[in-house]
Amino acid sequence: MKISVIGCGYLGAVHAATLASMGHSVVGIDVDSHKVEQLNKALAPFHEPGLDELLRDGRTNGRLMFTTDFAAAADAQVHFLCVGTPQSKTSDTADLTYLMAATRSLLPHLGKGAAVVGKSTVPVGTVETIRGLLARRSDVLLGWNPEFLRQGTAVKDSLVPDRLVYGVPGGKGAAAGEPITAVLDAVYQPLISAGIPRLVCNFATAELIKSAANAFLATKVSFINAMAELCDASGADVSELSEAMGLDPRIGNRYMHAGLGFGGGCLPKDIRSFRAQARDLEVPSVDEWMALVDSVNVNQRSRAVAVAREMCRGFLSGRTVTVLGAAFKPDTDDIRDSPALDVAAQLAAAGAHVTVTDPKAINNAWIRYPQIRFESSTKRALEGAELVLLLTEWNEYVALRPAEVGALVRRRMVLDARNVLDAEAWRSAGWTVRGLGTGASVASEERGDAAEAPAGAAPAVPAVPVARKKHARA
């Protein structure tokens, strides 16, 4: 089939390359000429494992091209709307400006009987607005096919998805007779033949599914992080707590890892949009629930700063601090709403001399945070550090050897805000190790080699009180 993909960001670029790998002829359309130029060179404009290879294959076999010209979509049978829907700058709602503009630009180039299929994450009612834009084209089919990609695994999630969801007029009962159902089945025939589950529903359900899924995942993350705060106050260990809870099949262990919390361009803005939808639909319980989830998540960042201050005996001003990680999660260069950079900025604002390193996100971060020093070399970033914070759990940071790192730093103190290091191995190498929800390690303090306050420094007041664990692990 000839398919167009409108919008070539994280979603659109991956979707276009995946459809081409299935044998379709795909044209990706985006208003950003620089991005289009890169994609036509088979270079992803962002870091996503496996995407460059898919782009190269599609460009080599001639099934994939990118352009800024909407007229290139004129002979396509299916048009996927993959435009971003960021959080509004003035409210919690999703900004649909780009989506609506893309639909209007596509409208003059729709062929007879073409199908328009949305993939963007949108509030309930958006499909009806788009249907209104297409009202003069009664021959055009409309469907909604929400995406479930995760940055860092987006290629795998596209090639082997957990499920396919179709939103169609009339929903499940009318699905068999709906032409849009047959069109989507043809698009995804290789996946359906491979046994990927296919669910058909009405438009409102399709619009809610992605936001509801993200709200549930965010709830699990914030729940275990709330438990981490309780563990710090009581002397319990959240890693052991979550492991035991995760063995219950009703709960499971996915998204039950305590740490610095979630960020990025999806979960935070999606749960805030979900809140706005709940208010519009007069469902206050969902609004209040999501507000608490969001609050717990954001509070984790202040808790990390408070622990860092505690490890420095109450004095962050003048301290030399190294932050491992700038991206909001490993295997991406995306810094949108990055917990790591939020913490780094708070440390810098408190007077610390902060150096941030990251395998992929340095270029994106340094322009946004001029008050922070960035260093591409992990070794150089660690030199002379009085405190190290692991804030993004890249594999290369988890694999660091504590004795080798210890030879670089000024003081062997590490805050593992993602709870991924082998704490006992680091302690055996002479490090003071703290996590979030795992309590304090006082071994180095008992030896008297913890940092003293810089001369003339005044203690800062912790943003969030962090109780010291009553029974610290050895």
Protein backbone atom coordinates (compact mmCIF):
# COMPACT_ATOMS: atom_id res chain seq x y z
CA MET A 1 0.00 0.00 0.00
CA LYS A 2 1.01 3.64 -0.44
CA ILE A 3 0.95 5.26 3.00
CA SER A 4 1.74 8.73 4.27
CA VAL A 5 2.88 9.52 7.81
CA ILE A 6 2.25 13.12 8.87
CA GLY A 7 4.69 14.24 11.54
CA CYS A 8 8.13 12.63 11.81
CA GLY A 9 9.07 12.99 15.45
CA TYR A 10 9.61 10.07 17.82
CA LEU A 11 6.34 8.45 16.85
CA GLY A 12 6.15 9.29 13.15
CA ALA A 13 9.73 8.49 12.15
CA VAL A 14 9.59 5.08 13.84
CA HIS A 15 6.13 4.33 12.45
CA ALA A 16 7.13 5.28 8.91
CA ALA A 17 10.28 3.14 9.00
CA THR A 18 8.35 0.20 10.47
CA LEU A 19 5.62 0.35 7.83
CA ALA A 20 8.29 0.41 5.11
CA SER A 21 9.89 -2.69 6.66
CA MET A 22 6.51 -4.43 6.30
CA GLY A 23 6.61 -3.85 2.54
CA HIS A 24 4.52 -0.68 2.21
CA SER A 25 5.56 2.36 0.19
CA VAL A 26 5.79 5.17 2.73
CA VAL A 27 6.24 8.94 2.52
CA GLY A 28 6.91 10.80 5.76
CA ILE A 29 5.92 14.46 5.85
CA ASP A 30 7.18 17.05 8.30
CA VAL A 31 7.44 20.85 8.29
CA ASP A 32 11.00 20.74 9.67
CA SER A 33 13.26 20.71 6.59
CA HIS A 34 16.39 19.91 8.62
CA LYS A 35 14.72 16.86 10.12
CA VAL A 36 13.55 15.73 6.69
CA GLU A 37 17.06 16.11 5.30
CA GLN A 38 18.51 13.95 8.06
CA LEU A 39 15.86 11.25 7.66
CA ASN A 40 16.48 11.06 3.91
CA LYS A 41 20.14 10.43 4.75
CA ALA A 42 18.95 7.52 6.93
CA LEU A 43 20.01 9.39 10.07
CA ALA A 44 17.53 9.61 12.93
CA PRO A 45 17.32 13.17 14.33
CA PHE A 46 17.23 11.66 17.84
CA HIS A 47 18.76 8.62 19.51
CA GLU A 48 16.60 5.51 19.23
CA PRO A 49 18.28 2.07 19.12
CA GLY A 50 17.72 0.27 15.81
CA LEU A 51 16.07 3.17 14.01
CA ASP A 52 19.04 4.13 11.83
CA GLU A 53 19.14 0.58 10.49
CA LEU A 54 15.43 0.60 9.64
CA LEU A 55 15.78 3.98 7.94
CA ARG A 56 18.77 2.77 5.95
CA ASP A 57 16.91 -0.33 4.80
CA GLY A 58 13.86 1.68 3.76
CA ARG A 59 15.89 4.26 1.87
CA THR A 60 18.01 1.58 0.15
CA ASN A 61 15.06 -0.47 -1.12
CA GLY A 62 13.17 2.67 -2.18
CA ARG A 63 10.11 2.10 0.00
CA LEU A 64 10.72 5.07 2.29
CA MET A 65 11.12 8.80 1.63
CA PHE A 66 10.60 12.04 3.56
CA THR A 67 9.52 15.47 2.38
CA THR A 68 8.05 18.78 3.54
CA ASP A 69 5.55 18.80 0.66
CA PHE A 70 2.03 17.60 1.56
CA ALA A 71 1.33 17.10 -2.13
CA ALA A 72 3.55 14.00 -1.97
CA ALA A 73 0.73 12.32 -0.01
CA ALA A 74 -1.80 12.82 -2.80
CA ASP A 75 -1.83 9.23 -4.05
CA ALA A 76 -1.57 7.54 -0.64
CA GLN A 77 -4.38 5.20 0.38
CA VAL A 78 -3.83 5.66 4.12
CA HIS A 79 -2.66 8.75 6.01
CA PHE A 80 -1.41 8.37 9.58
CA LEU A 81 -1.52 11.48 11.80
CA CYS A 82 1.52 11.26 14.08
CA VAL A 83 1.83 14.90 15.07
CA GLY A 84 2.90 15.82 18.60
CA THR A 85 0.33 16.92 21.17
CA PRO A 86 2.44 18.63 23.86
CA GLN A 87 1.08 20.06 27.08
CA SER A 88 -0.33 23.54 26.63
CA LYS A 89 1.89 26.35 27.91
CA THR A 90 -1.02 27.85 29.83
CA SER A 91 -2.90 24.81 31.20
CA ASP A 92 -2.79 21.04 31.80
CA THR A 93 -4.61 20.33 28.54
CA ALA A 94 -3.02 18.89 25.41
CA ASP A 95 -2.16 21.42 22.71
CA LEU A 96 -3.88 20.20 19.55
CA THR A 97 -2.74 23.13 17.40
CA TYR A 98 -0.21 21.11 15.42
CA LEU A 99 -2.56 18.17 14.92
CA MET A 100 -5.34 20.34 13.56
CA ALA A 101 -2.95 22.31 11.34
CA ALA A 102 -1.58 19.06 9.90
CA THR A 103 -5.10 17.79 9.19
CA ARG A 104 -6.02 21.01 7.38
CA SER A 105 -2.81 20.85 5.31
CA LEU A 106 -3.56 17.25 4.36
CA LEU A 107 -7.19 17.85 3.42
CA PRO A 108 -6.63 19.21 -0.14
CA HIS A 109 -4.47 16.19 -1.00
CA LEU A 110 -6.81 13.40 0.09
CA GLY A 111 -7.67 11.03 -2.74
CA LYS A 112 -11.12 9.53 -3.21
CA GLY A 113 -11.81 6.86 -0.56
CA ALA A 114 -8.59 7.55 1.34
CA ALA A 115 -8.33 6.69 5.03
CA VAL A 116 -7.18 9.13 7.70
CA VAL A 117 -5.96 7.38 10.85
CA GLY A 118 -4.87 9.15 14.02
CA LYS A 119 -2.07 7.81 16.19
CA SER A 120 -1.34 10.85 18.37
CA THR A 121 -2.30 10.78 22.05
CA VAL A 122 -5.35 13.03 22.31
CA PRO A 123 -8.16 13.98 24.71
CA VAL A 124 -11.61 12.47 24.34
CA GLY A 125 -13.58 14.32 21.67
CA THR A 126 -10.63 15.04 19.38
CA VAL A 127 -11.82 12.56 16.75
CA GLU A 128 -15.13 14.38 16.52
CA THR A 129 -13.26 17.65 15.88
CA ILE A 130 -11.25 16.00 13.11
CA ARG A 131 -14.43 14.47 11.72
CA GLY A 132 -15.76 18.03 11.51
CA LEU A 133 -12.71 19.11 9.49
CA LEU A 134 -13.34 16.22 7.09
CA ALA A 135 -17.11 16.81 6.90
CA ARG A 136 -17.03 17.87 3.24
CA ARG A 137 -15.31 14.64 2.28
CA SER A 138 -17.93 12.00 3.02
CA ASP A 139 -15.89 9.48 1.03
CA VAL A 140 -12.90 9.71 3.37
CA LEU A 141 -12.61 7.00 6.05
CA LEU A 142 -11.63 7.92 9.60
CA GLY A 143 -10.09 5.71 12.28
CA TRP A 144 -8.02 5.99 15.46
CA ASN A 145 -5.07 3.70 16.12
CA PRO A 146 -3.34 4.75 19.38
CA GLU A 147 0.39 4.17 19.76
CA PHE A 148 2.10 2.43 22.69
CA LEU A 149 5.76 3.10 21.97
CA ARG A 150 8.39 3.47 24.68
CA GLN A 151 11.46 5.55 23.96
CA GLY A 152 14.52 3.34 23.97
CA THR A 153 12.50 0.34 22.74
CA ALA A 154 10.30 2.05 20.14
CA VAL A 155 11.54 -0.04 17.19
CA LYS A 156 10.87 -3.30 19.02
CA ASP A 157 7.50 -2.01 20.22
CA SER A 158 6.56 -1.27 16.59
CA LEU A 159 7.81 -4.51 15.08
CA VAL A 160 6.45 -6.72 17.86
CA PRO A 161 3.70 -4.72 19.62
CA ASP A 162 1.74 -6.00 22.61
CA ARG A 163 -1.54 -5.20 20.86
CA LEU A 164 -3.19 -3.31 18.03
CA VAL A 165 -6.14 -1.07 18.87
CA TYR A 166 -8.59 0.25 16.27
CA GLY A 167 -11.08 2.99 17.04
CA VAL A 168 -13.84 2.80 14.43
CA PRO A 169 -17.31 4.32 13.94
CA GLY A 170 -19.83 2.38 15.97
CA GLY A 171 -17.18 0.46 17.88
CA LYS A 172 -16.77 -3.29 18.27
CA GLY A 173 -20.28 -4.22 17.19
CA ALA A 174 -19.97 -2.43 13.86
CA ALA A 175 -16.33 -3.30 13.25
CA ALA A 176 -16.83 -6.14 10.80
CA GLY A 177 -18.80 -3.97 8.40
CA GLU A 178 -16.61 -0.90 8.68
CA PRO A 179 -14.33 -0.29 5.69
CA ILE A 180 -11.71 1.32 7.98
CA THR A 181 -11.33 -2.00 9.81
CA ALA A 182 -10.42 -3.76 6.57
CA VAL A 183 -7.97 -0.97 5.69
CA LEU A 184 -6.16 -1.24 9.02
CA ASP A 185 -6.11 -5.03 8.76
CA ALA A 186 -4.37 -4.66 5.39
CA VAL A 187 -1.83 -2.22 6.83
CA TYR A 188 -0.98 -4.52 9.73
CA GLN A 189 -1.41 -7.86 7.96
CA PRO A 190 2.12 -9.11 8.86
CA LEU A 191 1.50 -8.38 12.54
CA ILE A 192 -1.97 -9.92 12.57
CA SER A 193 -0.61 -13.03 10.82
CA ALA A 194 2.05 -13.24 13.53
CA GLY A 195 -0.67 -13.44 16.18
CA ILE A 196 -0.53 -9.92 17.61
CA PRO A 197 -3.83 -9.31 19.47
CA ARG A 198 -6.22 -6.91 17.75
CA LEU A 199 -8.84 -4.99 19.73
CA VAL A 200 -11.61 -2.92 18.14
CA CYS A 201 -13.51 -0.24 20.03
CA ASN A 202 -15.33 3.06 19.56
CA PHE A 203 -13.56 6.38 19.17
CA ALA A 204 -13.88 7.53 22.79
CA THR A 205 -12.35 4.32 24.07
CA ALA A 206 -9.50 4.50 21.58
CA GLU A 207 -8.81 8.09 22.62
CA LEU A 208 -8.72 7.13 26.32
CA ILE A 209 -6.66 3.93 26.10
CA LYS A 210 -3.17 5.45 25.86
CA SER A 211 -3.82 8.06 28.56
CA ALA A 212 -5.40 5.47 30.85
CA ALA A 213 -2.47 3.10 30.36
CA ASN A 214 0.03 5.85 31.12
CA ALA A 215 -1.99 6.94 34.16
CA PHE A 216 -1.86 3.40 35.53
CA LEU A 217 1.89 3.07 34.93
CA ALA A 218 2.49 6.46 36.53
CA THR A 219 0.41 5.35 39.51
CA LYS A 220 2.59 2.27 40.02
CA VAL A 221 5.78 4.35 39.87
CA SER A 222 4.49 6.97 42.30
CA PHE A 223 3.11 4.31 44.64
CA ILE A 224 6.43 2.55 45.03
CA ASN A 225 8.20 5.89 45.42
CA ALA A 226 5.76 6.83 48.19
CA MET A 227 6.65 3.49 49.80
CA ALA A 228 10.33 4.42 49.44
CA GLU A 229 9.72 7.54 51.54
CA LEU A 230 7.94 5.40 54.12
CA CYS A 231 10.85 2.95 54.10
CA ASP A 232 13.35 5.74 54.74
CA ALA A 233 11.26 6.91 57.69
CA SER A 234 10.84 3.43 59.19
CA GLY A 235 14.10 1.62 58.49
CA ALA A 236 12.65 -0.71 55.85
CA ASP A 237 14.21 -1.39 52.44
CA VAL A 238 12.04 -0.55 49.44
CA SER A 239 14.00 -2.83 47.08
CA GLU A 240 13.15 -5.85 49.22
CA LEU A 241 9.60 -4.58 49.70
CA SER A 242 8.98 -4.19 45.96
CA GLU A 243 10.56 -7.56 45.18
CA ALA A 244 8.21 -9.30 47.59
CA MET A 245 5.18 -7.37 46.32
CA GLY A 246 6.09 -8.07 42.71
CA LEU A 247 5.94 -11.83 43.26
CA ASP A 248 2.20 -11.48 43.76
CA PRO A 249 0.80 -12.15 40.25
CA ARG A 250 -2.00 -9.67 40.90
CA ILE A 251 0.61 -6.91 41.28
CA GLY A 252 3.63 -7.93 39.18
CA ASN A 253 7.09 -6.36 39.22
CA ARG A 254 6.87 -4.07 36.19
CA TYR A 255 7.10 -0.35 37.02
CA MET A 256 7.63 -1.25 40.69
CA HIS A 257 11.23 -0.07 40.94
CA ALA A 258 11.66 2.84 43.34
CA GLY A 259 13.92 5.71 42.34
CA LEU A 260 13.88 9.22 40.98
CA GLY A 261 10.54 8.87 39.23
CA PHE A 262 9.36 9.33 35.66
CA GLY A 263 9.87 12.13 33.15
CA GLY A 264 9.98 12.55 29.39
CA GLY A 265 7.51 13.86 26.88
CA CYS A 266 4.68 11.38 27.52
CA LEU A 267 3.83 10.32 31.08
CA PRO A 268 3.97 13.75 32.77
CA LYS A 269 1.96 15.59 30.12
CA ASP A 270 -0.43 12.67 29.58
CA ILE A 271 -1.45 12.41 33.24
CA ARG A 272 -1.95 16.19 33.37
CA SER A 273 -4.08 16.03 30.25
CA PHE A 274 -5.96 13.13 31.85
CA ARG A 275 -6.68 15.38 34.84
CA ALA A 276 -8.01 18.10 32.55
CA GLN A 277 -10.27 15.59 30.79
CA ALA A 278 -11.58 14.35 34.14
CA ARG A 279 -12.41 17.92 35.19
CA ASP A 280 -14.20 18.57 31.90
CA LEU A 281 -16.20 15.36 32.32
CA GLU A 282 -16.90 16.17 36.01
CA VAL A 283 -15.08 13.14 37.42
CA PRO A 284 -13.21 14.68 40.39
CA SER A 285 -11.88 11.38 41.74
CA VAL A 286 -9.64 10.90 38.68
CA ASP A 287 -8.53 14.52 38.81
CA GLU A 288 -7.53 14.25 42.50
CA TRP A 289 -5.90 10.86 42.03
CA MET A 290 -3.73 12.03 39.16
CA ALA A 291 -2.82 15.20 41.08
CA LEU A 292 -1.42 13.04 43.89
CA VAL A 293 0.48 10.80 41.45
CA ASP A 294 2.03 13.86 39.82
CA SER A 295 2.90 15.42 43.18
CA VAL A 296 4.63 12.29 44.51
CA ASN A 297 6.64 12.03 41.30
CA VAL A 298 7.84 15.63 41.31
CA ASN A 299 8.63 15.41 45.04
CA GLN A 300 11.14 12.61 44.40
CA ARG A 301 13.45 15.16 42.80
CA SER A 302 13.43 17.39 45.88
CA ARG A 303 13.98 14.33 48.05
CA ALA A 304 17.10 13.47 46.05
CA VAL A 305 18.44 16.99 46.57
CA ALA A 306 17.68 16.74 50.29
CA VAL A 307 19.58 13.44 50.55
CA ALA A 308 22.51 14.95 48.64
CA ARG A 309 22.56 17.87 51.06
CA GLU A 310 22.45 15.47 54.02
CA MET A 311 25.37 13.48 52.60
CA CYS A 312 27.34 16.73 52.43
CA ARG A 313 26.59 17.44 56.12
CA GLY A 314 24.07 20.11 55.23
CA PHE A 315 26.32 22.12 52.91
CA LEU A 316 25.84 21.99 49.12
CA SER A 317 27.32 25.40 48.47
CA GLY A 318 30.84 25.05 47.08
CA ARG A 319 30.68 21.27 46.77
CA THR A 320 31.97 19.60 43.61
CA VAL A 321 29.17 17.31 42.45
CA THR A 322 29.07 14.93 39.49
CA VAL A 323 25.72 13.83 38.02
CA LEU A 324 25.65 10.66 35.95
CA GLY A 325 22.86 11.05 33.43
CA ALA A 326 20.99 13.85 31.68
CA ALA A 327 18.36 12.00 29.59
CA PHE A 328 15.05 11.27 31.30
CA LYS A 329 15.73 7.53 30.86
CA PRO A 330 18.50 5.37 29.36
CA ASP A 331 18.72 4.58 25.63
CA THR A 332 17.39 7.97 24.55
CA ASP A 333 18.73 11.50 24.17
CA ASP A 334 15.40 13.05 25.17
CA ILE A 335 15.72 15.57 28.02
CA ARG A 336 12.09 16.67 28.18
CA ASP A 337 11.05 16.91 31.84
CA SER A 338 14.22 15.03 32.80
CA PRO A 339 14.35 14.25 36.54
CA ALA A 340 18.16 14.11 36.30
CA LEU A 341 18.47 17.63 34.90
CA ASP A 342 15.88 18.96 37.34
CA VAL A 343 17.97 17.65 40.25
CA ALA A 344 21.19 18.96 38.68
CA ALA A 345 19.63 22.41 38.31
CA GLN A 346 18.46 22.39 41.93
CA LEU A 347 21.96 21.44 43.08
CA ALA A 348 23.48 24.25 41.02
CA ALA A 349 20.93 26.70 42.42
CA ALA A 350 22.02 25.64 45.92
CA GLY A 351 25.59 26.66 45.09
CA ALA A 352 27.13 23.31 44.15
CA HIS A 353 29.66 23.09 41.32
CA VAL A 354 27.79 20.61 39.15
CA THR A 355 29.15 18.58 36.25
CA VAL A 356 26.70 16.44 34.25
CA THR A 357 27.69 13.64 31.90
CA ASP A 358 25.57 11.44 29.63
CA PRO A 359 26.33 9.07 26.70
CA LYS A 360 23.81 10.65 24.31
CA ALA A 361 22.02 13.70 25.72
CA ILE A 362 24.82 16.23 26.26
CA ASN A 363 24.18 18.21 23.08
CA ASN A 364 20.48 18.57 23.87
CA ALA A 365 21.10 19.54 27.47
CA TRP A 366 23.86 22.13 27.43
CA ILE A 367 21.82 24.78 25.58
CA ARG A 368 18.89 24.40 27.98
CA TYR A 369 21.01 24.53 31.14
CA PRO A 370 23.85 27.06 30.73
CA GLN A 371 24.35 27.23 34.51
CA ILE A 372 25.56 23.61 34.52
CA ARG A 373 28.87 22.24 33.27
CA PHE A 374 28.59 19.30 30.87
CA GLU A 375 31.30 16.76 30.13
CA SER A 376 31.07 13.98 27.55
CA SER A 377 33.77 11.85 29.22
CA THR A 378 32.59 9.98 32.29
CA LYS A 379 36.15 9.78 33.60
CA ARG A 380 36.77 13.52 33.31
CA ALA A 381 33.36 14.29 34.82
CA LEU A 382 34.21 12.22 37.91
CA GLU A 383 37.60 13.77 38.59
CA GLY A 384 37.69 15.54 41.96
CA ALA A 385 34.03 14.94 42.81
CA GLU A 386 33.00 15.18 46.45
CA LEU A 387 29.63 13.57 45.71
CA VAL A 388 28.45 11.43 42.78
CA LEU A 389 24.75 11.11 41.91
CA LEU A 390 23.55 8.36 39.58
CA LEU A 391 20.36 9.84 38.13
CA THR A 392 19.89 8.03 34.79
CA GLU A 393 20.52 4.29 34.84
CA TRP A 394 22.58 3.85 31.67
CA ASN A 395 24.21 0.40 31.59
CA GLU A 396 27.68 1.91 31.49
CA TYR A 397 27.06 3.66 34.81
CA VAL A 398 25.66 0.53 36.44
CA ALA A 399 28.79 -1.32 35.27
CA LEU A 400 31.27 1.19 36.73
CA ARG A 401 33.93 -0.39 38.95
CA PRO A 402 33.85 1.28 42.36
CA ALA A 403 37.59 0.97 43.00
CA GLU A 404 38.45 2.58 39.65
CA VAL A 405 35.92 5.37 40.19
CA GLY A 406 37.24 5.81 43.71
CA ALA A 407 40.67 6.66 42.34
CA LEU A 408 39.15 9.60 40.42
CA VAL A 409 37.00 11.28 43.02
CA ARG A 410 37.92 13.41 46.02
CA ARG A 411 35.47 11.70 48.38
CA ARG A 412 33.85 8.32 47.92
CA MET A 413 30.19 9.21 48.33
CA VAL A 414 27.47 8.18 45.90
CA LEU A 415 23.73 8.75 45.84
CA ASP A 416 22.20 6.00 43.73
CA ALA A 417 18.85 7.66 43.06
CA ARG A 418 17.81 4.83 40.74
CA ASN A 419 18.69 2.03 43.20
CA VAL A 420 20.59 0.05 40.55
CA LEU A 421 24.16 -0.22 41.90
CA ASP A 422 25.55 -3.21 43.79
CA ALA A 423 25.64 -1.27 47.04
CA GLU A 424 27.64 -3.86 48.96
CA ALA A 425 30.36 -3.92 46.29
CA TRP A 426 30.62 -0.14 46.42
CA ARG A 427 30.72 -0.11 50.22
CA SER A 428 33.44 -2.76 50.17
CA ALA A 429 35.48 -0.34 48.03
CA GLY A 430 35.13 2.33 50.71
CA TRP A 431 32.14 4.22 49.41
CA THR A 432 29.30 5.77 51.39
CA VAL A 433 26.21 4.67 49.44
CA ARG A 434 22.70 6.06 49.69
CA GLY A 435 19.59 5.22 47.75
CA LEU A 436 15.99 6.44 47.86
CA GLY A 437 14.08 4.15 50.16
CA THR A 438 17.12 2.11 51.19
CA GLY A 439 18.29 4.35 54.05
CA ALA A 440 21.70 5.75 54.96
CA SER A 441 25.05 4.04 54.91
CA VAL A 442 27.00 5.39 57.87
CA ALA A 443 30.12 3.29 57.42
CA SER A 444 32.27 6.10 56.06
CA GLU A 445 30.83 8.61 58.53
CA GLU A 446 31.78 6.35 61.42
CA ARG A 447 35.36 6.29 60.09
CA GLY A 448 35.29 10.09 60.26
CA ASP A 449 36.12 10.68 56.59
CA ALA A 450 32.83 12.23 55.52
CA ALA A 451 32.96 15.72 54.10
CA GLU A 452 33.16 18.68 56.45
CA ALA A 453 31.48 21.99 55.75
CA PRO A 454 33.48 24.40 53.59
CA ALA A 455 34.90 27.32 55.48
CA GLY A 456 32.41 30.13 55.89
CA ALA A 457 29.51 28.15 54.45
CA ALA A 458 26.05 28.38 55.95
CA PRO A 459 23.89 25.27 56.08
CA ALA A 460 20.98 25.28 53.66
CA VAL A 461 17.53 24.16 54.77
CA PRO A 462 16.59 20.85 53.13
CA ALA A 463 13.76 21.18 50.61
CA VAL A 464 12.20 17.95 51.95
CA PRO A 465 13.10 16.40 55.32
CA VAL A 466 14.60 12.93 54.86
CA ALA A 467 14.63 10.74 57.93
CA ARG A 468 17.77 8.74 58.59
CA LYS A 469 17.22 5.03 58.58
CA LYS A 470 17.09 3.62 62.13
CA HIS A 471 18.83 0.37 61.30
CA ALA A 472 21.26 0.97 58.45
CA ARG A 473 22.57 -1.95 56.49
CA ALA A 474 26.21 -2.84 56.97
